[in-house]
Amino acid sequence: MRASLEAVGSPQTLRQAVDCLRPLGTCCLAGSSRKGTEAGVDMNILQNGRAIRGCIQGDNVPDQFVPHLIDLYRAGKLPIERIVTFYDFADINWAVADSIAGKTIKPLLRMPGQTA
């Protein structure tokens, strides 16, 4: 792979995302983890120009990126309904459990009084 994305914040998935890179490939670390979380990487995998980099808020230009996402959604190429699951704020523990279990990709909490 030329590029990979670690979006979970897990040392194991970071290792997998790095291991699948071809020479000169880049892995972007987007997942959040607790402070002090360390990940071991075989130093030889970084030879041949492979790279690991972090990103901040997606490292994008919102004025360009958001319209692009909207275009993808309208074209049926961004299945948000398959990615997002809504939970009432009172069900926050359920949302966390579903996320940990892999039952949802992106749990979104509704604050009291919200309908959308």
Protein backbone atom coordinates (compact mmCIF):
# COMPACT_ATOMS: atom_id res chain seq x y z
CA MET A 1 0.00 0.00 0.00
CA ARG A 2 1.12 3.50 -0.74
CA ALA A 3 -0.77 4.90 2.23
CA SER A 4 -2.53 3.64 5.33
CA LEU A 5 -4.57 5.21 8.09
CA GLU A 6 -4.66 4.24 11.75
CA ALA A 7 -7.93 5.63 13.09
CA VAL A 8 -8.46 3.58 16.25
CA GLY A 9 -5.63 4.73 18.51
CA SER A 10 -4.40 1.20 19.12
CA PRO A 11 -0.72 0.20 19.08
CA GLN A 12 -1.69 -3.07 17.38
CA THR A 13 -3.55 -1.38 14.53
CA LEU A 14 -0.73 1.14 14.10
CA ARG A 15 1.67 -1.76 13.69
CA GLN A 16 -0.63 -3.37 11.09
CA ALA A 17 -1.03 -0.06 9.25
CA VAL A 18 2.75 0.37 9.09
CA ASP A 19 3.48 -3.26 8.20
CA CYS A 20 1.24 -3.14 5.11
CA LEU A 21 3.11 -0.20 3.55
CA ARG A 22 5.19 -0.56 0.43
CA PRO A 23 8.54 1.27 0.20
CA LEU A 24 8.04 5.06 0.35
CA GLY A 25 4.56 4.51 1.83
CA THR A 26 3.13 6.72 4.56
CA CYS A 27 0.97 5.80 7.53
CA CYS A 28 -1.12 8.58 9.03
CA LEU A 29 -1.95 8.26 12.72
CA ALA A 30 -5.39 9.82 13.23
CA GLY A 31 -6.65 7.69 16.12
CA SER A 32 -6.59 9.04 19.65
CA SER A 33 -5.01 7.17 22.52
CA ARG A 34 -4.31 7.84 26.17
CA LYS A 35 -1.21 9.85 27.03
CA GLY A 36 1.75 7.53 27.46
CA THR A 37 0.51 4.89 25.01
CA GLU A 38 3.53 3.51 23.20
CA ALA A 39 3.70 1.47 20.01
CA GLY A 40 6.60 -0.71 18.97
CA VAL A 41 7.65 -0.58 15.35
CA ASP A 42 10.31 -2.75 13.78
CA MET A 43 12.92 -0.18 12.77
CA ASN A 44 13.64 -2.10 9.55
CA ILE A 45 10.10 -1.41 8.34
CA LEU A 46 10.97 2.30 8.26
CA GLN A 47 13.80 1.67 5.87
CA ASN A 48 13.07 2.17 2.20
CA GLY A 49 11.46 5.51 2.98
CA ARG A 50 8.37 4.37 4.89
CA ALA A 51 7.00 7.06 7.18
CA ILE A 52 4.59 7.47 10.08
CA ARG A 53 3.03 10.86 10.68
CA GLY A 54 0.33 12.26 12.87
CA CYS A 55 -2.36 14.67 11.80
CA ILE A 56 -4.32 17.42 13.50
CA GLN A 57 -8.05 17.56 12.80
CA GLY A 58 -7.52 15.78 9.50
CA ASP A 59 -4.85 18.20 8.24
CA ASN A 60 -7.17 19.66 5.64
CA VAL A 61 -8.38 22.99 4.35
CA PRO A 62 -12.03 23.03 5.49
CA ASP A 63 -13.18 25.38 2.72
CA GLN A 64 -12.05 22.75 0.19
CA PHE A 65 -12.50 19.52 2.11
CA VAL A 66 -16.06 19.95 3.43
CA PRO A 67 -17.54 20.69 -0.02
CA HIS A 68 -15.66 17.64 -1.33
CA LEU A 69 -17.21 15.46 1.40
CA ILE A 70 -20.66 16.83 0.54
CA ASP A 71 -20.10 16.01 -3.14
CA LEU A 72 -19.04 12.46 -2.23
CA TYR A 73 -22.12 12.03 -0.02
CA ARG A 74 -24.48 13.33 -2.72
CA ALA A 75 -22.86 10.97 -5.25
CA GLY A 76 -23.50 8.02 -2.92
CA LYS A 77 -19.78 7.48 -2.30
CA LEU A 78 -19.73 8.39 1.40
CA PRO A 79 -22.13 6.09 3.28
CA ILE A 80 -22.49 8.12 6.45
CA GLU A 81 -25.53 6.08 7.52
CA ARG A 82 -23.27 3.00 7.70
CA ILE A 83 -20.59 4.79 9.71
CA VAL A 84 -22.57 6.82 12.26
CA THR A 85 -24.82 5.58 15.05
CA PHE A 86 -26.75 8.09 17.17
CA TYR A 87 -27.17 7.62 20.92
CA ASP A 88 -29.05 9.69 23.46
CA PHE A 89 -26.66 11.24 25.96
CA ALA A 90 -28.17 9.06 28.69
CA ASP A 91 -26.92 6.04 26.71
CA ILE A 92 -23.28 7.18 26.70
CA ASN A 93 -22.08 3.92 28.30
CA TRP A 94 -23.89 1.91 25.63
CA ALA A 95 -22.26 4.05 22.93
CA VAL A 96 -18.81 3.40 24.40
CA ALA A 97 -19.49 -0.33 24.72
CA ASP A 98 -20.71 -0.55 21.11
CA SER A 99 -17.63 1.33 19.92
CA ILE A 100 -15.25 -0.93 21.83
CA ALA A 101 -17.07 -4.02 20.56
CA GLY A 102 -16.86 -2.77 16.98
CA LYS A 103 -20.66 -2.51 16.60
CA THR A 104 -20.39 1.12 15.52
CA ILE A 105 -17.64 3.08 13.83
CA LYS A 106 -18.61 6.59 14.91
CA PRO A 107 -20.95 6.91 17.90
CA LEU A 108 -22.56 10.35 18.08
CA LEU A 109 -24.26 11.54 21.26
CA ARG A 110 -27.45 13.58 21.17
CA MET A 111 -27.70 16.12 23.92
CA PRO A 112 -31.02 16.33 25.75
CA GLY A 113 -33.57 18.16 23.59
CA GLN A 114 -31.84 17.30 20.27
CA THR A 115 -33.74 15.39 17.61
CA ALA A 116 -31.27 15.26 14.72
